[in-house]
Amino acid sequence: MNIIIHGAAGRMGKMMEEKIRSSTQGAAVAALVDANPPAGGFASLEAYTGPADMVVDFSNHAATKSLLDYCLGRNLPVVIATTGHTGEEKELIGEASKQIPVFYSANMSVGIAVLADLAKRAAAAFPAADIEIVEIHHNQKLDVPSGTALMLGESLREVRPGAVLLVGRHENGKRTAKEIGVHSLRLGNEVGIHEIMISTGSETLTLRHQAVSRALFADGALAAAEFLRHQPPGLYSMRDMLT
């Protein structure tokens, strides 16, 4: 499987390259693409016309349209591992998935996918409990709250369809029964911590995932690429890969 790495000069792009080159599963780097390309790389996707089986995107959500146009033009599956997409960009992803296989997840960690599943089961078991999500990331992270925190919140809303995600609390007032609080902390070099607290008032259940190394996201992206290469057009996520 020949993989184009989009965003190859970034921290995750470099990790993805290292992961592919050390893979024993037949993966290979087809091209390294970045606005500031590494040696032997390309400044844009359009500049590369050689053989490829897959694109893995670790660039920036602002490049979504050009990324999808390229993949549609070449009929290439794509793993989108960036975060912070706008509503319009998410619509573009959905439209593209009608023609090509698209793997889209706010977090490429298998552990986060398991956390989301456990949280849904716990929330269903305590339908009247208060739920709060706390996410902690490094002090250079751009999007607040994290895409992962929002993904976890949306997972919880599947068992609480009337719930509202409340990002931060800026005014005084009692907590409402429908809200799911989302809180963001930015500290040092923290890779990523996500906690979900579910409290009935008499007991509290806390579910926690901590990313120790960013290498886990490259692991997940490579696993997603291997999964996606065998799929028909459609929109896929970690949940699909685990079932």
C-alpha atoms as a PDB file:
ATOM      1  CA  MET A   1       0.000   0.000   0.000  1.00  0.00           C
ATOM      2  CA  ASN A   2       1.611   3.244  -1.188  1.00  0.00           C
ATOM      3  CA  ILE A   3       0.632   6.164   1.053  1.00  0.00           C
ATOM      4  CA  ILE A   4       0.844   9.886   0.342  1.00  0.00           C
ATOM      5  CA  ILE A   5       1.462  11.791   3.588  1.00  0.00           C
ATOM      6  CA  HIS A   6      -0.181  15.220   3.431  1.00  0.00           C
ATOM      7  CA  GLY A   7       1.307  17.535   6.059  1.00  0.00           C
ATOM      8  CA  ALA A   8       4.545  15.591   6.003  1.00  0.00           C
ATOM      9  CA  ALA A   9       6.721  18.320   7.553  1.00  0.00           C
ATOM     10  CA  GLY A  10       4.618  18.603  10.704  1.00  0.00           C
ATOM     11  CA  ARG A  11       5.222  16.694  13.907  1.00  0.00           C
ATOM     12  CA  MET A  12       2.558  14.088  13.174  1.00  0.00           C
ATOM     13  CA  GLY A  13       3.509  13.874   9.508  1.00  0.00           C
ATOM     14  CA  LYS A  14       7.068  12.995  10.480  1.00  0.00           C
ATOM     15  CA  MET A  15       5.837  10.375  12.920  1.00  0.00           C
ATOM     16  CA  MET A  16       3.597   8.932  10.232  1.00  0.00           C
ATOM     17  CA  GLU A  17       6.540   8.683   7.842  1.00  0.00           C
ATOM     18  CA  GLU A  18       8.622   6.896  10.479  1.00  0.00           C
ATOM     19  CA  LYS A  19       5.752   4.515  11.256  1.00  0.00           C
ATOM     20  CA  ILE A  20       5.221   3.621   7.585  1.00  0.00           C
ATOM     21  CA  ARG A  21       8.918   3.140   6.863  1.00  0.00           C
ATOM     22  CA  SER A  22       9.222   0.778   9.842  1.00  0.00           C
ATOM     23  CA  SER A  23       6.007  -1.085   9.019  1.00  0.00           C
ATOM     24  CA  THR A  24       6.165  -4.814   8.357  1.00  0.00           C
ATOM     25  CA  GLN A  25       2.673  -4.856   6.819  1.00  0.00           C
ATOM     26  CA  GLY A  26       3.625  -3.841   3.295  1.00  0.00           C
ATOM     27  CA  ALA A  27       3.050  -0.082   3.686  1.00  0.00           C
ATOM     28  CA  ALA A  28       5.328   2.327   1.825  1.00  0.00           C
ATOM     29  CA  VAL A  29       5.651   6.099   1.467  1.00  0.00           C
ATOM     30  CA  ALA A  30       4.478   7.168  -1.989  1.00  0.00           C
ATOM     31  CA  ALA A  31       5.133  10.885  -1.487  1.00  0.00           C
ATOM     32  CA  LEU A  32       5.743  13.496   1.190  1.00  0.00           C
ATOM     33  CA  VAL A  33       3.595  16.587   0.657  1.00  0.00           C
ATOM     34  CA  ASP A  34       3.755  19.829   2.625  1.00  0.00           C
ATOM     35  CA  ALA A  35       3.637  23.564   1.977  1.00  0.00           C
ATOM     36  CA  ASN A  36       7.225  23.512   3.267  1.00  0.00           C
ATOM     37  CA  PRO A  37       8.225  20.172   1.773  1.00  0.00           C
ATOM     38  CA  PRO A  38      11.005  18.033   3.201  1.00  0.00           C
ATOM     39  CA  ALA A  39      13.868  16.957   0.937  1.00  0.00           C
ATOM     40  CA  GLY A  40      12.472  15.038  -2.007  1.00  0.00           C
ATOM     41  CA  GLY A  41       8.938  16.105  -1.150  1.00  0.00           C
ATOM     42  CA  PHE A  42       6.252  18.085  -2.954  1.00  0.00           C
ATOM     43  CA  ALA A  43       4.783  21.501  -2.131  1.00  0.00           C
ATOM     44  CA  SER A  44       1.256  20.480  -3.125  1.00  0.00           C
ATOM     45  CA  LEU A  45      -0.759  17.349  -3.764  1.00  0.00           C
ATOM     46  CA  GLU A  46      -1.308  18.352  -7.377  1.00  0.00           C
ATOM     47  CA  ALA A  47       2.455  18.295  -7.934  1.00  0.00           C
ATOM     48  CA  TYR A  48       2.547  14.554  -7.311  1.00  0.00           C
ATOM     49  CA  THR A  49       1.115  12.389 -10.080  1.00  0.00           C
ATOM     50  CA  GLY A  50       2.915   9.133  -9.338  1.00  0.00           C
ATOM     51  CA  PRO A  51       1.498   5.844  -8.044  1.00  0.00           C
ATOM     52  CA  ALA A  52      -0.508   5.882  -4.807  1.00  0.00           C
ATOM     53  CA  ASP A  53      -3.147   3.819  -3.026  1.00  0.00           C
ATOM     54  CA  MET A  54      -4.072   6.128  -0.144  1.00  0.00           C
ATOM     55  CA  VAL A  55      -3.709   9.635   1.277  1.00  0.00           C
ATOM     56  CA  VAL A  56      -3.229  10.199   5.003  1.00  0.00           C
ATOM     57  CA  ASP A  57      -3.848  13.812   5.999  1.00  0.00           C
ATOM     58  CA  PHE A  58      -2.081  15.373   8.972  1.00  0.00           C
ATOM     59  CA  SER A  59      -2.093  18.924   7.595  1.00  0.00           C
ATOM     60  CA  ASN A  60      -4.715  21.516   8.573  1.00  0.00           C
ATOM     61  CA  HIS A  61      -8.488  21.559   8.241  1.00  0.00           C
ATOM     62  CA  ALA A  62      -8.216  24.645   6.007  1.00  0.00           C
ATOM     63  CA  ALA A  63      -6.807  22.373   3.287  1.00  0.00           C
ATOM     64  CA  THR A  64      -9.906  20.137   3.282  1.00  0.00           C
ATOM     65  CA  LYS A  65     -11.310  21.236  -0.081  1.00  0.00           C
ATOM     66  CA  SER A  66      -8.054  20.904  -2.023  1.00  0.00           C
ATOM     67  CA  LEU A  67      -7.357  17.573  -0.288  1.00  0.00           C
ATOM     68  CA  LEU A  68     -10.739  16.151  -1.252  1.00  0.00           C
ATOM     69  CA  ASP A  69     -10.571  17.533  -4.796  1.00  0.00           C
ATOM     70  CA  TYR A  70      -7.264  15.729  -5.293  1.00  0.00           C
ATOM     71  CA  CYS A  71      -8.526  12.458  -3.843  1.00  0.00           C
ATOM     72  CA  LEU A  72     -11.733  12.618  -5.886  1.00  0.00           C
ATOM     73  CA  GLY A  73      -9.793  13.391  -9.038  1.00  0.00           C
ATOM     74  CA  ARG A  74      -7.548  10.372  -8.537  1.00  0.00           C
ATOM     75  CA  ASN A  75     -10.201   8.156  -6.907  1.00  0.00           C
ATOM     76  CA  LEU A  76      -8.012   7.700  -3.827  1.00  0.00           C
ATOM     77  CA  PRO A  77      -9.243   6.738  -0.346  1.00  0.00           C
ATOM     78  CA  VAL A  78      -8.273   9.265   2.324  1.00  0.00           C
ATOM     79  CA  VAL A  79      -7.690   9.128   6.068  1.00  0.00           C
ATOM     80  CA  ILE A  80      -8.398  12.581   7.536  1.00  0.00           C
ATOM     81  CA  ALA A  81      -6.526  12.885  10.829  1.00  0.00           C
ATOM     82  CA  THR A  82      -6.790  16.662  11.278  1.00  0.00           C
ATOM     83  CA  THR A  83      -9.209  18.410  13.647  1.00  0.00           C
ATOM     84  CA  GLY A  84     -11.061  21.713  13.944  1.00  0.00           C
ATOM     85  CA  HIS A  85     -13.184  21.328  10.784  1.00  0.00           C
ATOM     86  CA  THR A  86     -15.924  23.871  10.154  1.00  0.00           C
ATOM     87  CA  GLY A  87     -19.486  22.859   9.378  1.00  0.00           C
ATOM     88  CA  GLU A  88     -18.881  23.598   5.692  1.00  0.00           C
ATOM     89  CA  GLU A  89     -15.745  21.450   5.660  1.00  0.00           C
ATOM     90  CA  LYS A  90     -17.611  18.579   7.307  1.00  0.00           C
ATOM     91  CA  GLU A  91     -20.234  18.827   4.565  1.00  0.00           C
ATOM     92  CA  LEU A  92     -17.481  18.546   1.953  1.00  0.00           C
ATOM     93  CA  ILE A  93     -16.192  15.420   3.699  1.00  0.00           C
ATOM     94  CA  GLY A  94     -19.670  13.917   3.683  1.00  0.00           C
ATOM     95  CA  GLU A  95     -20.171  14.661  -0.007  1.00  0.00           C
ATOM     96  CA  ALA A  96     -16.780  13.207  -0.954  1.00  0.00           C
ATOM     97  CA  SER A  97     -17.551   9.998   0.953  1.00  0.00           C
ATOM     98  CA  LYS A  98     -20.340   9.272  -1.532  1.00  0.00           C
ATOM     99  CA  GLN A  99     -17.671   8.693  -4.197  1.00  0.00           C
ATOM    100  CA  ILE A 100     -14.554   7.523  -2.324  1.00  0.00           C
ATOM    101  CA  PRO A 101     -13.832   5.824   1.008  1.00  0.00           C
ATOM    102  CA  VAL A 102     -13.161   8.481   3.677  1.00  0.00           C
ATOM    103  CA  PHE A 103     -11.966   7.729   7.199  1.00  0.00           C
ATOM    104  CA  TYR A 104     -12.666  10.715   9.450  1.00  0.00           C
ATOM    105  CA  SER A 105     -12.054  10.808  13.176  1.00  0.00           C
ATOM    106  CA  ALA A 106     -11.332  13.641  15.584  1.00  0.00           C
ATOM    107  CA  ASN A 107      -8.921  11.283  17.323  1.00  0.00           C
ATOM    108  CA  MET A 108      -6.940   8.415  15.813  1.00  0.00           C
ATOM    109  CA  SER A 109      -6.518   6.624  19.150  1.00  0.00           C
ATOM    110  CA  VAL A 110      -8.131   3.203  19.518  1.00  0.00           C
ATOM    111  CA  GLY A 111      -8.269   3.888  23.260  1.00  0.00           C
ATOM    112  CA  ILE A 112     -10.416   6.982  22.719  1.00  0.00           C
ATOM    113  CA  ALA A 113     -12.847   4.926  20.654  1.00  0.00           C
ATOM    114  CA  VAL A 114     -13.106   2.473  23.550  1.00  0.00           C
ATOM    115  CA  LEU A 115     -13.555   5.389  25.982  1.00  0.00           C
ATOM    116  CA  ALA A 116     -16.456   6.739  23.919  1.00  0.00           C
ATOM    117  CA  ASP A 117     -18.149   3.338  23.957  1.00  0.00           C
ATOM    118  CA  LEU A 118     -17.702   2.929  27.715  1.00  0.00           C
ATOM    119  CA  ALA A 119     -18.999   6.451  28.330  1.00  0.00           C
ATOM    120  CA  LYS A 120     -22.165   5.793  26.343  1.00  0.00           C
ATOM    121  CA  ARG A 121     -22.848   2.615  28.308  1.00  0.00           C
ATOM    122  CA  ALA A 122     -22.243   4.384  31.614  1.00  0.00           C
ATOM    123  CA  ALA A 123     -24.458   7.347  30.691  1.00  0.00           C
ATOM    124  CA  ALA A 124     -27.245   4.949  29.713  1.00  0.00           C
ATOM    125  CA  ALA A 125     -26.921   3.197  33.085  1.00  0.00           C
ATOM    126  CA  PHE A 126     -27.249   6.538  34.947  1.00  0.00           C
ATOM    127  CA  PRO A 127     -29.816   8.479  32.900  1.00  0.00           C
ATOM    128  CA  ALA A 128     -30.280  11.245  35.497  1.00  0.00           C
ATOM    129  CA  ALA A 129     -26.597  11.737  36.359  1.00  0.00           C
ATOM    130  CA  ASP A 130     -24.612  14.926  35.749  1.00  0.00           C
ATOM    131  CA  ILE A 131     -21.906  14.552  33.098  1.00  0.00           C
ATOM    132  CA  GLU A 132     -18.779  16.663  32.691  1.00  0.00           C
ATOM    133  CA  ILE A 133     -15.935  16.319  30.176  1.00  0.00           C
ATOM    134  CA  VAL A 134     -12.475  17.721  30.930  1.00  0.00           C
ATOM    135  CA  GLU A 135      -9.736  17.771  28.288  1.00  0.00           C
ATOM    136  CA  ILE A 136      -6.090  18.753  28.808  1.00  0.00           C
ATOM    137  CA  HIS A 137      -3.631  19.469  25.983  1.00  0.00           C
ATOM    138  CA  HIS A 138      -0.308  21.222  25.362  1.00  0.00           C
ATOM    139  CA  ASN A 139      -0.197  24.994  25.408  1.00  0.00           C
ATOM    140  CA  GLN A 140       0.219  25.321  21.626  1.00  0.00           C
ATOM    141  CA  LYS A 141      -3.012  23.541  20.654  1.00  0.00           C
ATOM    142  CA  LEU A 142      -5.168  25.719  18.413  1.00  0.00           C
ATOM    143  CA  ASP A 143      -8.720  24.377  18.721  1.00  0.00           C
ATOM    144  CA  VAL A 144     -10.710  24.794  21.942  1.00  0.00           C
ATOM    145  CA  PRO A 145     -12.328  22.560  22.974  1.00  0.00           C
ATOM    146  CA  SER A 146     -10.515  19.661  21.377  1.00  0.00           C
ATOM    147  CA  GLY A 147     -12.159  17.776  18.547  1.00  0.00           C
ATOM    148  CA  THR A 148     -11.915  14.676  20.701  1.00  0.00           C
ATOM    149  CA  ALA A 149     -13.877  16.287  23.543  1.00  0.00           C
ATOM    150  CA  LEU A 150     -16.599  17.295  21.099  1.00  0.00           C
ATOM    151  CA  MET A 151     -16.610  13.788  19.634  1.00  0.00           C
ATOM    152  CA  LEU A 152     -17.046  12.320  23.112  1.00  0.00           C
ATOM    153  CA  GLY A 153     -19.857  14.767  23.784  1.00  0.00           C
ATOM    154  CA  GLU A 154     -21.645  13.790  20.575  1.00  0.00           C
ATOM    155  CA  SER A 155     -21.240  10.103  21.496  1.00  0.00           C
ATOM    156  CA  LEU A 156     -22.914  10.788  24.832  1.00  0.00           C
ATOM    157  CA  ARG A 157     -25.753  12.605  23.090  1.00  0.00           C
ATOM    158  CA  GLU A 158     -26.570   9.383  21.265  1.00  0.00           C
ATOM    159  CA  VAL A 159     -27.921   8.043  24.561  1.00  0.00           C
ATOM    160  CA  ARG A 160     -29.042  11.503  25.738  1.00  0.00           C
ATOM    161  CA  PRO A 161     -30.590  13.039  22.628  1.00  0.00           C
ATOM    162  CA  GLY A 162     -31.932  16.037  24.532  1.00  0.00           C
ATOM    163  CA  ALA A 163     -28.564  16.977  26.015  1.00  0.00           C
ATOM    164  CA  VAL A 164     -26.790  20.239  25.200  1.00  0.00           C
ATOM    165  CA  LEU A 165     -22.996  20.587  25.131  1.00  0.00           C
ATOM    166  CA  LEU A 166     -22.031  23.576  27.275  1.00  0.00           C
ATOM    167  CA  VAL A 167     -18.479  24.677  26.520  1.00  0.00           C
ATOM    168  CA  GLY A 168     -17.140  26.375  29.651  1.00  0.00           C
ATOM    169  CA  ARG A 169     -19.183  28.306  32.176  1.00  0.00           C
ATOM    170  CA  HIS A 170     -18.867  32.062  31.897  1.00  0.00           C
ATOM    171  CA  GLU A 171     -21.812  33.194  33.986  1.00  0.00           C
ATOM    172  CA  ASN A 172     -23.323  32.359  37.338  1.00  0.00           C
ATOM    173  CA  GLY A 173     -26.281  30.048  37.419  1.00  0.00           C
ATOM    174  CA  LYS A 174     -27.366  26.583  38.391  1.00  0.00           C
ATOM    175  CA  ARG A 175     -26.415  23.604  36.306  1.00  0.00           C
ATOM    176  CA  THR A 176     -29.314  22.420  34.171  1.00  0.00           C
ATOM    177  CA  ALA A 177     -30.299  18.781  33.936  1.00  0.00           C
ATOM    178  CA  LYS A 178     -29.761  18.686  30.167  1.00  0.00           C
ATOM    179  CA  GLU A 179     -26.255  20.043  29.915  1.00  0.00           C
ATOM    180  CA  ILE A 180     -23.016  18.151  29.386  1.00  0.00           C
ATOM    181  CA  GLY A 181     -20.159  20.416  30.445  1.00  0.00           C
ATOM    182  CA  VAL A 182     -16.968  20.588  28.373  1.00  0.00           C
ATOM    183  CA  HIS A 183     -13.858  22.178  29.886  1.00  0.00           C
ATOM    184  CA  SER A 184     -10.441  22.800  28.305  1.00  0.00           C
ATOM    185  CA  LEU A 185      -7.050  23.153  30.003  1.00  0.00           C
ATOM    186  CA  ARG A 186      -3.813  23.997  28.210  1.00  0.00           C
ATOM    187  CA  LEU A 187      -0.631  22.995  30.038  1.00  0.00           C
ATOM    188  CA  GLY A 188       2.993  22.562  28.978  1.00  0.00           C
ATOM    189  CA  ASN A 189       3.634  19.659  26.615  1.00  0.00           C
ATOM    190  CA  GLU A 190       0.665  17.492  27.568  1.00  0.00           C
ATOM    191  CA  VAL A 191      -0.164  15.156  24.662  1.00  0.00           C
ATOM    192  CA  GLY A 192      -3.785  14.693  25.636  1.00  0.00           C
ATOM    193  CA  ILE A 193      -5.934  13.716  28.607  1.00  0.00           C
ATOM    194  CA  HIS A 194      -9.699  13.240  28.423  1.00  0.00           C
ATOM    195  CA  GLU A 195     -11.867  12.593  31.456  1.00  0.00           C
ATOM    196  CA  ILE A 196     -15.578  11.962  31.607  1.00  0.00           C
ATOM    197  CA  MET A 197     -17.177  12.296  35.032  1.00  0.00           C
ATOM    198  CA  ILE A 198     -20.650  10.912  35.634  1.00  0.00           C
ATOM    199  CA  SER A 199     -22.189  11.750  39.005  1.00  0.00           C
ATOM    200  CA  THR A 200     -25.533  10.811  40.553  1.00  0.00           C
ATOM    201  CA  GLY A 201     -24.873  12.810  43.717  1.00  0.00           C
ATOM    202  CA  SER A 202     -24.287   9.668  45.741  1.00  0.00           C
ATOM    203  CA  GLU A 203     -21.552   8.192  43.539  1.00  0.00           C
ATOM    204  CA  THR A 204     -19.233   9.374  40.776  1.00  0.00           C
ATOM    205  CA  LEU A 205     -17.800   7.312  37.942  1.00  0.00           C
ATOM    206  CA  THR A 206     -14.710   8.742  36.223  1.00  0.00           C
ATOM    207  CA  LEU A 207     -13.476   7.420  32.873  1.00  0.00           C
ATOM    208  CA  ARG A 208     -10.025   8.634  31.809  1.00  0.00           C
ATOM    209  CA  HIS A 209      -7.754   8.262  28.808  1.00  0.00           C
ATOM    210  CA  GLN A 210      -4.209   9.627  28.667  1.00  0.00           C
ATOM    211  CA  ALA A 211      -2.084   9.748  25.536  1.00  0.00           C
ATOM    212  CA  VAL A 212       1.513   9.195  26.611  1.00  0.00           C
ATOM    213  CA  SER A 213       3.055   9.615  23.160  1.00  0.00           C
ATOM    214  CA  ARG A 214       1.838  11.139  19.909  1.00  0.00           C
ATOM    215  CA  ALA A 215       3.075   7.997  18.194  1.00  0.00           C
ATOM    216  CA  LEU A 216      -0.252   6.374  19.073  1.00  0.00           C
ATOM    217  CA  PHE A 217      -1.993   8.684  16.574  1.00  0.00           C
ATOM    218  CA  ALA A 218       0.331   7.494  13.798  1.00  0.00           C
ATOM    219  CA  ASP A 219      -0.383   3.904  14.838  1.00  0.00           C
ATOM    220  CA  GLY A 220      -4.107   4.578  14.592  1.00  0.00           C
ATOM    221  CA  ALA A 221      -3.819   6.362  11.238  1.00  0.00           C
ATOM    222  CA  LEU A 222      -1.885   3.467   9.726  1.00  0.00           C
ATOM    223  CA  ALA A 223      -4.444   0.977  11.067  1.00  0.00           C
ATOM    224  CA  ALA A 224      -7.207   3.179   9.600  1.00  0.00           C
ATOM    225  CA  ALA A 225      -5.477   3.204   6.210  1.00  0.00           C
ATOM    226  CA  GLU A 226      -5.185  -0.576   6.223  1.00  0.00           C
ATOM    227  CA  PHE A 227      -8.895  -0.836   7.120  1.00  0.00           C
ATOM    228  CA  LEU A 228      -9.993   1.742   4.551  1.00  0.00           C
ATOM    229  CA  ARG A 229      -8.246   0.177   1.568  1.00  0.00           C
ATOM    230  CA  HIS A 230     -10.743  -2.707   1.652  1.00  0.00           C
ATOM    231  CA  GLN A 231     -13.883  -0.552   1.943  1.00  0.00           C
ATOM    232  CA  PRO A 232     -16.348   0.758  -0.661  1.00  0.00           C
ATOM    233  CA  PRO A 233     -17.129   4.500  -0.820  1.00  0.00           C
ATOM    234  CA  GLY A 234     -18.520   5.764   2.465  1.00  0.00           C
ATOM    235  CA  LEU A 235     -17.717   7.680   5.629  1.00  0.00           C
ATOM    236  CA  TYR A 236     -15.897   5.618   8.250  1.00  0.00           C
ATOM    237  CA  SER A 237     -14.627   6.182  11.781  1.00  0.00           C
ATOM    238  CA  MET A 238     -12.841   4.354  14.580  1.00  0.00           C
ATOM    239  CA  ARG A 239     -16.147   2.847  15.588  1.00  0.00           C
ATOM    240  CA  ASP A 240     -16.425   1.113  12.214  1.00  0.00           C
ATOM    241  CA  MET A 241     -12.899  -0.198  12.468  1.00  0.00           C
ATOM    242  CA  LEU A 242     -13.519  -1.729  15.895  1.00  0.00           C
ATOM    243  CA  THR A 243     -16.805  -3.472  15.041  1.00  0.00           C
END
